[in-house]
PDB file of N, CA and C in Angstrom:
ATOM      1  N   MET A   1     -55.350  17.825 -10.903  1.00  0.00           N
ATOM      2  CA  MET A   1     -54.461  17.225  -9.919  1.00  0.00           C
ATOM      3  C   MET A   1     -53.005  17.467 -10.318  1.00  0.00           C
ATOM      4  N   ASN A   2     -52.185  17.578  -9.314  1.00  0.00           N
ATOM      5  CA  ASN A   2     -50.772  17.769  -9.598  1.00  0.00           C
ATOM      6  C   ASN A   2     -50.052  16.417  -9.638  1.00  0.00           C
ATOM      7  N   ALA A   3     -48.746  16.451  -9.725  1.00  0.00           N
ATOM      8  CA  ALA A   3     -47.957  15.231  -9.895  1.00  0.00           C
ATOM      9  C   ALA A   3     -48.068  14.256  -8.724  1.00  0.00           C
ATOM     10  N   ILE A   4     -48.394  14.738  -7.535  1.00  0.00           N
ATOM     11  CA  ILE A   4     -48.495  13.830  -6.390  1.00  0.00           C
ATOM     12  C   ILE A   4     -49.939  13.482  -6.048  1.00  0.00           C
ATOM     13  N   GLY A   5     -50.846  13.815  -6.971  1.00  0.00           N
ATOM     14  CA  GLY A   5     -52.230  13.413  -6.802  1.00  0.00           C
ATOM     15  C   GLY A   5     -53.068  14.319  -5.927  1.00  0.00           C
ATOM     16  N   MET A   6     -52.621  15.534  -5.714  1.00  0.00           N
ATOM     17  CA  MET A   6     -53.377  16.475  -4.884  1.00  0.00           C
ATOM     18  C   MET A   6     -54.009  17.541  -5.768  1.00  0.00           C
ATOM     19  N   THR A   7     -55.188  17.964  -5.422  1.00  0.00           N
ATOM     20  CA  THR A   7     -55.850  19.042  -6.133  1.00  0.00           C
ATOM     21  C   THR A   7     -55.453  20.367  -5.497  1.00  0.00           C
ATOM     22  N   LEU A   8     -55.029  21.300  -6.329  1.00  0.00           N
ATOM     23  CA  LEU A   8     -54.662  22.620  -5.834  1.00  0.00           C
ATOM     24  C   LEU A   8     -55.888  23.520  -5.855  1.00  0.00           C
ATOM     25  N   THR A   9     -56.107  24.243  -4.788  1.00  0.00           N
ATOM     26  CA  THR A   9     -57.227  25.178  -4.709  1.00  0.00           C
ATOM     27  C   THR A   9     -56.725  26.587  -4.957  1.00  0.00           C
ATOM     28  N   THR A  10     -57.655  27.519  -5.099  1.00  0.00           N
ATOM     29  CA  THR A  10     -57.250  28.916  -5.252  1.00  0.00           C
ATOM     30  C   THR A  10     -56.541  29.416  -3.997  1.00  0.00           C
ATOM     31  N   VAL A  11     -56.895  28.861  -2.850  1.00  0.00           N
ATOM     32  CA  VAL A  11     -56.210  29.233  -1.611  1.00  0.00           C
ATOM     33  C   VAL A  11     -54.758  28.783  -1.666  1.00  0.00           C
ATOM     34  N   ASP A  12     -54.515  27.563  -2.148  1.00  0.00           N
ATOM     35  CA  ASP A  12     -53.146  27.068  -2.291  1.00  0.00           C
ATOM     36  C   ASP A  12     -52.350  27.952  -3.248  1.00  0.00           C
ATOM     37  N   LEU A  13     -52.979  28.329  -4.351  1.00  0.00           N
ATOM     38  CA  LEU A  13     -52.296  29.172  -5.326  1.00  0.00           C
ATOM     39  C   LEU A  13     -52.007  30.552  -4.755  1.00  0.00           C
ATOM     40  N   GLU A  14     -52.883  31.065  -3.921  1.00  0.00           N
ATOM     41  CA  GLU A  14     -52.654  32.353  -3.264  1.00  0.00           C
ATOM     42  C   GLU A  14     -51.423  32.276  -2.368  1.00  0.00           C
ATOM     43  N   LEU A  15     -51.238  31.157  -1.694  1.00  0.00           N
ATOM     44  CA  LEU A  15     -50.053  30.984  -0.851  1.00  0.00           C
ATOM     45  C   LEU A  15     -48.785  31.041  -1.689  1.00  0.00           C
ATOM     46  N   VAL A  16     -48.819  30.403  -2.858  1.00  0.00           N
ATOM     47  CA  VAL A  16     -47.660  30.397  -3.744  1.00  0.00           C
ATOM     48  C   VAL A  16     -47.406  31.801  -4.286  1.00  0.00           C
ATOM     49  N   ARG A  17     -48.475  32.521  -4.572  1.00  0.00           N
ATOM     50  CA  ARG A  17     -48.367  33.861  -5.141  1.00  0.00           C
ATOM     51  C   ARG A  17     -47.817  34.868  -4.141  1.00  0.00           C
ATOM     52  N   GLY A  18     -47.887  34.566  -2.885  1.00  0.00           N
ATOM     53  CA  GLY A  18     -47.353  35.482  -1.889  1.00  0.00           C
ATOM     54  C   GLY A  18     -48.312  35.775  -0.765  1.00  0.00           C
ATOM     55  N   GLY A  19     -49.465  35.153  -0.762  1.00  0.00           N
ATOM     56  CA  GLY A  19     -50.446  35.382   0.275  1.00  0.00           C
ATOM     57  C   GLY A  19     -49.954  34.967   1.644  1.00  0.00           C
ATOM     58  N   ALA A  20     -49.030  34.028   1.707  1.00  0.00           N
ATOM     59  CA  ALA A  20     -48.525  33.562   2.997  1.00  0.00           C
ATOM     60  C   ALA A  20     -47.843  34.695   3.757  1.00  0.00           C
ATOM     61  N   ASP A  21     -47.289  35.645   3.020  1.00  0.00           N
ATOM     62  CA  ASP A  21     -46.616  36.764   3.670  1.00  0.00           C
ATOM     63  C   ASP A  21     -47.595  37.655   4.426  1.00  0.00           C
ATOM     64  N   THR A  22     -48.857  37.638   4.038  1.00  0.00           N
ATOM     65  CA  THR A  22     -49.836  38.501   4.689  1.00  0.00           C
ATOM     66  C   THR A  22     -50.707  37.731   5.672  1.00  0.00           C
ATOM     67  N   PHE A  23     -50.469  36.444   5.851  1.00  0.00           N
ATOM     68  CA  PHE A  23     -51.276  35.656   6.775  1.00  0.00           C
ATOM     69  C   PHE A  23     -51.047  36.147   8.196  1.00  0.00           C
ATOM     70  N   GLY A  24     -52.113  36.601   8.831  1.00  0.00           N
ATOM     71  CA  GLY A  24     -52.000  37.117  10.191  1.00  0.00           C
ATOM     72  C   GLY A  24     -51.766  38.608  10.275  1.00  0.00           C
ATOM     73  N   ARG A  25     -51.617  39.254   9.098  1.00  0.00           N
ATOM     74  CA  ARG A  25     -51.436  40.703   9.098  1.00  0.00           C
ATOM     75  C   ARG A  25     -52.799  41.355   9.224  1.00  0.00           C
ATOM     76  N   CYS A  26     -52.887  42.374  10.032  1.00  0.00           N
ATOM     77  CA  CYS A  26     -54.154  43.081  10.251  1.00  0.00           C
ATOM     78  C   CYS A  26     -54.416  44.057   9.115  1.00  0.00           C
ATOM     79  N   GLY A  27     -55.646  44.120   8.683  1.00  0.00           N
ATOM     80  CA  GLY A  27     -56.054  45.081   7.666  1.00  0.00           C
ATOM     81  C   GLY A  27     -56.389  44.427   6.353  1.00  0.00           C
ATOM     82  N   PRO A  28     -57.176  45.126   5.540  1.00  0.00           N
ATOM     83  CA  PRO A  28     -57.622  44.557   4.266  1.00  0.00           C
ATOM     84  C   PRO A  28     -56.582  44.673   3.169  1.00  0.00           C
ATOM     85  N   GLY A  29     -56.125  43.571   2.647  1.00  0.00           N
ATOM     86  CA  GLY A  29     -55.305  43.537   1.449  1.00  0.00           C
ATOM     87  C   GLY A  29     -54.000  44.299   1.480  1.00  0.00           C
ATOM     88  N   ALA A  30     -53.163  44.007   0.519  1.00  0.00           N
ATOM     89  CA  ALA A  30     -51.845  44.618   0.433  1.00  0.00           C
ATOM     90  C   ALA A  30     -51.919  46.103   0.103  1.00  0.00           C
ATOM     91  N   ALA A  31     -52.960  46.525  -0.599  1.00  0.00           N
ATOM     92  CA  ALA A  31     -53.078  47.929  -0.985  1.00  0.00           C
ATOM     93  C   ALA A  31     -53.202  48.838   0.233  1.00  0.00           C
ATOM     94  N   MET A  32     -53.739  48.324   1.327  1.00  0.00           N
ATOM     95  CA  MET A  32     -53.933  49.122   2.530  1.00  0.00           C
ATOM     96  C   MET A  32     -52.760  49.012   3.506  1.00  0.00           C
ATOM     97  N   GLN A  33     -51.761  48.220   3.170  1.00  0.00           N
ATOM     98  CA  GLN A  33     -50.655  47.977   4.096  1.00  0.00           C
ATOM     99  C   GLN A  33     -49.980  49.273   4.531  1.00  0.00           C
ATOM    100  N   GLY A  34     -49.743  50.183   3.610  1.00  0.00           N
ATOM    101  CA  GLY A  34     -49.083  51.429   3.963  1.00  0.00           C
ATOM    102  C   GLY A  34     -49.915  52.289   4.888  1.00  0.00           C
ATOM    103  N   LEU A  35     -51.215  52.264   4.704  1.00  0.00           N
ATOM    104  CA  LEU A  35     -52.108  53.074   5.514  1.00  0.00           C
ATOM    105  C   LEU A  35     -52.282  52.493   6.911  1.00  0.00           C
ATOM    106  N   LEU A  36     -52.447  51.198   7.020  1.00  0.00           N
ATOM    107  CA  LEU A  36     -52.722  50.574   8.308  1.00  0.00           C
ATOM    108  C   LEU A  36     -51.480  50.073   9.023  1.00  0.00           C
ATOM    109  N   GLY A  37     -50.358  50.025   8.349  1.00  0.00           N
ATOM    110  CA  GLY A  37     -49.137  49.538   8.964  1.00  0.00           C
ATOM    111  C   GLY A  37     -48.915  48.069   8.673  1.00  0.00           C
ATOM    112  N   ASN A  38     -47.857  47.552   9.195  1.00  0.00           N
ATOM    113  CA  ASN A  38     -47.472  46.169   8.959  1.00  0.00           C
ATOM    114  C   ASN A  38     -47.547  45.425  10.289  1.00  0.00           C
ATOM    115  N   ILE A  39     -48.766  45.227  10.774  1.00  0.00           N
ATOM    116  CA  ILE A  39     -48.999  44.663  12.095  1.00  0.00           C
ATOM    117  C   ILE A  39     -49.560  43.255  11.964  1.00  0.00           C
ATOM    118  N   TYR A  40     -48.911  42.315  12.642  1.00  0.00           N
ATOM    119  CA  TYR A  40     -49.353  40.918  12.677  1.00  0.00           C
ATOM    120  C   TYR A  40     -49.735  40.578  14.112  1.00  0.00           C
ATOM    121  N   THR A  41     -50.906  39.959  14.306  1.00  0.00           N
ATOM    122  CA  THR A  41     -51.317  39.561  15.650  1.00  0.00           C
ATOM    123  C   THR A  41     -51.938  38.168  15.605  1.00  0.00           C
ATOM    124  N   PRO A  42     -51.963  37.469  16.721  1.00  0.00           N
ATOM    125  CA  PRO A  42     -52.623  36.161  16.765  1.00  0.00           C
ATOM    126  C   PRO A  42     -54.110  36.258  16.435  1.00  0.00           C
ATOM    127  N   GLU A  43     -54.745  37.362  16.812  1.00  0.00           N
ATOM    128  CA  GLU A  43     -56.160  37.533  16.531  1.00  0.00           C
ATOM    129  C   GLU A  43     -56.423  37.697  15.034  1.00  0.00           C
ATOM    130  N   CYS A  44     -55.544  38.414  14.358  1.00  0.00           N
ATOM    131  CA  CYS A  44     -55.686  38.555  12.905  1.00  0.00           C
ATOM    132  C   CYS A  44     -55.381  37.233  12.216  1.00  0.00           C
ATOM    133  N   LYS A  45     -54.443  36.487  12.770  1.00  0.00           N
ATOM    134  CA  LYS A  45     -54.137  35.161  12.233  1.00  0.00           C
ATOM    135  C   LYS A  45     -55.345  34.229  12.383  1.00  0.00           C
ATOM    136  N   ALA A  46     -56.038  34.303  13.515  1.00  0.00           N
ATOM    137  CA  ALA A  46     -57.227  33.471  13.726  1.00  0.00           C
ATOM    138  C   ALA A  46     -58.320  33.831  12.728  1.00  0.00           C
ATOM    139  N   HIS A  47     -58.480  35.114  12.451  1.00  0.00           N
ATOM    140  CA  HIS A  47     -59.472  35.547  11.467  1.00  0.00           C
ATOM    141  C   HIS A  47     -59.096  35.037  10.078  1.00  0.00           C
ATOM    142  N   ASP A  48     -57.827  35.207   9.706  1.00  0.00           N
ATOM    143  CA  ASP A  48     -57.367  34.722   8.400  1.00  0.00           C
ATOM    144  C   ASP A  48     -57.554  33.216   8.267  1.00  0.00           C
ATOM    145  N   ALA A  49     -57.266  32.485   9.338  1.00  0.00           N
ATOM    146  CA  ALA A  49     -57.424  31.029   9.312  1.00  0.00           C
ATOM    147  C   ALA A  49     -58.890  30.654   9.125  1.00  0.00           C
ATOM    148  N   ALA A  50     -59.792  31.387   9.768  1.00  0.00           N
ATOM    149  CA  ALA A  50     -61.229  31.106   9.619  1.00  0.00           C
ATOM    150  C   ALA A  50     -61.677  31.354   8.178  1.00  0.00           C
ATOM    151  N   VAL A  51     -61.184  32.420   7.572  1.00  0.00           N
ATOM    152  CA  VAL A  51     -61.525  32.707   6.177  1.00  0.00           C
ATOM    153  C   VAL A  51     -60.997  31.604   5.270  1.00  0.00           C
ATOM    154  N   ARG A  52     -59.746  31.228   5.440  1.00  0.00           N
ATOM    155  CA  ARG A  52     -59.148  30.185   4.589  1.00  0.00           C
ATOM    156  C   ARG A  52     -59.843  28.840   4.761  1.00  0.00           C
ATOM    157  N   ARG A  53     -60.234  28.534   5.987  1.00  0.00           N
ATOM    158  CA  ARG A  53     -60.941  27.278   6.245  1.00  0.00           C
ATOM    159  C   ARG A  53     -62.246  27.236   5.442  1.00  0.00           C
ATOM    160  N   GLU A  54     -62.964  28.336   5.436  1.00  0.00           N
ATOM    161  CA  GLU A  54     -64.216  28.395   4.685  1.00  0.00           C
ATOM    162  C   GLU A  54     -63.973  28.352   3.180  1.00  0.00           C
ATOM    163  N   LEU A  55     -62.928  29.017   2.716  1.00  0.00           N
ATOM    164  CA  LEU A  55     -62.603  28.969   1.290  1.00  0.00           C
ATOM    165  C   LEU A  55     -62.277  27.544   0.856  1.00  0.00           C
ATOM    166  N   ARG A  56     -61.557  26.819   1.697  1.00  0.00           N
ATOM    167  CA  ARG A  56     -61.229  25.424   1.369  1.00  0.00           C
ATOM    168  C   ARG A  56     -62.479  24.543   1.324  1.00  0.00           C
ATOM    169  N   ARG A  57     -63.493  24.921   2.073  1.00  0.00           N
ATOM    170  CA  ARG A  57     -64.760  24.182   2.064  1.00  0.00           C
ATOM    171  C   ARG A  57     -65.608  24.512   0.841  1.00  0.00           C
ATOM    172  N   GLY A  58     -65.150  25.463   0.051  1.00  0.00           N
ATOM    173  CA  GLY A  58     -65.880  25.834  -1.157  1.00  0.00           C
ATOM    174  C   GLY A  58     -66.783  27.038  -0.992  1.00  0.00           C
ATOM    175  N   THR A  59     -66.716  27.691   0.142  1.00  0.00           N
ATOM    176  CA  THR A  59     -67.514  28.890   0.378  1.00  0.00           C
ATOM    177  C   THR A  59     -66.960  30.024  -0.472  1.00  0.00           C
ATOM    178  N   SER A  60     -67.846  30.882  -0.974  1.00  0.00           N
ATOM    179  CA  SER A  60     -67.396  32.038  -1.748  1.00  0.00           C
ATOM    180  C   SER A  60     -66.567  32.953  -0.857  1.00  0.00           C
ATOM    181  N   TYR A  61     -65.823  33.871  -1.484  1.00  0.00           N
ATOM    182  CA  TYR A  61     -64.988  34.784  -0.710  1.00  0.00           C
ATOM    183  C   TYR A  61     -65.844  35.615   0.239  1.00  0.00           C
ATOM    184  N   LEU A  62     -66.944  36.160  -0.261  1.00  0.00           N
ATOM    185  CA  LEU A  62     -67.821  36.950   0.592  1.00  0.00           C
ATOM    186  C   LEU A  62     -68.410  36.096   1.715  1.00  0.00           C
ATOM    187  N   GLY A  63     -68.838  34.896   1.374  1.00  0.00           N
ATOM    188  CA  GLY A  63     -69.384  33.993   2.385  1.00  0.00           C
ATOM    189  C   GLY A  63     -68.355  33.637   3.443  1.00  0.00           C
ATOM    190  N   ALA A  64     -67.109  33.426   3.016  1.00  0.00           N
ATOM    191  CA  ALA A  64     -66.036  33.098   3.960  1.00  0.00           C
ATOM    192  C   ALA A  64     -65.792  34.266   4.909  1.00  0.00           C
ATOM    193  N   GLN A  65     -65.821  35.483   4.370  1.00  0.00           N
ATOM    194  CA  GLN A  65     -65.641  36.664   5.219  1.00  0.00           C
ATOM    195  C   GLN A  65     -66.788  36.788   6.226  1.00  0.00           C
ATOM    196  N   LEU A  66     -67.999  36.509   5.780  1.00  0.00           N
ATOM    197  CA  LEU A  66     -69.157  36.589   6.680  1.00  0.00           C
ATOM    198  C   LEU A  66     -69.091  35.529   7.776  1.00  0.00           C
ATOM    199  N   LYS A  67     -68.657  34.323   7.411  1.00  0.00           N
ATOM    200  CA  LYS A  67     -68.561  33.258   8.413  1.00  0.00           C
ATOM    201  C   LYS A  67     -67.440  33.516   9.408  1.00  0.00           C
ATOM    202  N   ALA A  68     -66.431  34.281   9.003  1.00  0.00           N
ATOM    203  CA  ALA A  68     -65.315  34.614   9.897  1.00  0.00           C
ATOM    204  C   ALA A  68     -65.594  35.881  10.697  1.00  0.00           C
ATOM    205  N   LEU A  69     -66.755  36.457  10.504  1.00  0.00           N
ATOM    206  CA  LEU A  69     -67.102  37.701  11.178  1.00  0.00           C
ATOM    207  C   LEU A  69     -66.984  37.646  12.702  1.00  0.00           C
ATOM    208  N   PRO A  70     -67.285  36.522  13.362  1.00  0.00           N
ATOM    209  CA  PRO A  70     -67.120  36.494  14.819  1.00  0.00           C
ATOM    210  C   PRO A  70     -65.690  36.763  15.292  1.00  0.00           C
ATOM    211  N   GLN A  71     -64.682  36.478  14.466  1.00  0.00           N
ATOM    212  CA  GLN A  71     -63.290  36.733  14.843  1.00  0.00           C
ATOM    213  C   GLN A  71     -62.854  38.168  14.555  1.00  0.00           C
ATOM    214  N   LEU A  72     -63.653  38.909  13.804  1.00  0.00           N
ATOM    215  CA  LEU A  72     -63.241  40.236  13.372  1.00  0.00           C
ATOM    216  C   LEU A  72     -63.095  41.251  14.507  1.00  0.00           C
ATOM    217  N   PRO A  73     -64.023  41.336  15.478  1.00  0.00           N
ATOM    218  CA  PRO A  73     -63.823  42.329  16.549  1.00  0.00           C
ATOM    219  C   PRO A  73     -62.512  42.142  17.311  1.00  0.00           C
ATOM    220  N   ALA A  74     -62.136  40.912  17.581  1.00  0.00           N
ATOM    221  CA  ALA A  74     -60.863  40.668  18.279  1.00  0.00           C
ATOM    222  C   ALA A  74     -59.685  41.081  17.402  1.00  0.00           C
ATOM    223  N   ALA A  75     -59.785  40.825  16.091  1.00  0.00           N
ATOM    224  CA  ALA A  75     -58.710  41.203  15.177  1.00  0.00           C
ATOM    225  C   ALA A  75     -58.559  42.723  15.118  1.00  0.00           C
ATOM    226  N   VAL A  76     -59.685  43.418  15.004  1.00  0.00           N
ATOM    227  CA  VAL A  76     -59.643  44.886  14.970  1.00  0.00           C
ATOM    228  C   VAL A  76     -59.081  45.429  16.289  1.00  0.00           C
ATOM    229  N   GLY A  77     -59.529  44.874  17.397  1.00  0.00           N
ATOM    230  CA  GLY A  77     -59.017  45.299  18.694  1.00  0.00           C
ATOM    231  C   GLY A  77     -57.527  45.075  18.837  1.00  0.00           C
ATOM    232  N   SER A  78     -57.054  43.962  18.278  1.00  0.00           N
ATOM    233  CA  SER A  78     -55.617  43.674  18.371  1.00  0.00           C
ATOM    234  C   SER A  78     -54.800  44.661  17.553  1.00  0.00           C
ATOM    235  N   TRP A  79     -55.358  45.133  16.423  1.00  0.00           N
ATOM    236  CA  TRP A  79     -54.668  46.140  15.624  1.00  0.00           C
ATOM    237  C   TRP A  79     -54.515  47.423  16.439  1.00  0.00           C
ATOM    238  N   PHE A  80     -55.616  47.853  17.069  1.00  0.00           N
ATOM    239  CA  PHE A  80     -55.544  49.053  17.900  1.00  0.00           C
ATOM    240  C   PHE A  80     -54.563  48.872  19.054  1.00  0.00           C
ATOM    241  N   ARG A  81     -54.592  47.710  19.667  1.00  0.00           N
ATOM    242  CA  ARG A  81     -53.690  47.417  20.799  1.00  0.00           C
ATOM    243  C   ARG A  81     -52.238  47.568  20.382  1.00  0.00           C
ATOM    244  N   GLU A  82     -51.879  46.998  19.230  1.00  0.00           N
ATOM    245  CA  GLU A  82     -50.492  47.036  18.777  1.00  0.00           C
ATOM    246  C   GLU A  82     -50.102  48.391  18.183  1.00  0.00           C
ATOM    247  N   ARG A  83     -51.030  49.023  17.522  1.00  0.00           N
ATOM    248  CA  ARG A  83     -50.742  50.296  16.858  1.00  0.00           C
ATOM    249  C   ARG A  83     -50.527  51.427  17.861  1.00  0.00           C
ATOM    250  N   PHE A  84     -51.271  51.408  18.949  1.00  0.00           N
ATOM    251  CA  PHE A  84     -51.247  52.534  19.871  1.00  0.00           C
ATOM    252  C   PHE A  84     -50.719  52.185  21.258  1.00  0.00           C
ATOM    253  N   LYS A  85     -49.845  51.182  21.344  1.00  0.00           N
ATOM    254  CA  LYS A  85     -49.302  50.832  22.667  1.00  0.00           C
ATOM    255  C   LYS A  85     -48.138  51.704  23.036  1.00  0.00           C
TER     256      LYS A  85
END
């Protein structure tokens, strides 16, 4: 617990480390940013939010990605929409 009585999760620490900058960005991880571009969409934000929600519930990273899978087609479509408009 921290000084105000809250438990910090790995998701919280990721936000401090800089993960907040990529919230809503389309594409896997920072390493792919140059290849896929720097595109942010509401659909990618919804996918990221679904993953983070599952991580906060204690789901493994892979499990969180699988549970957020229903949001993935819209996120991928939004990347194409923005990239090739």
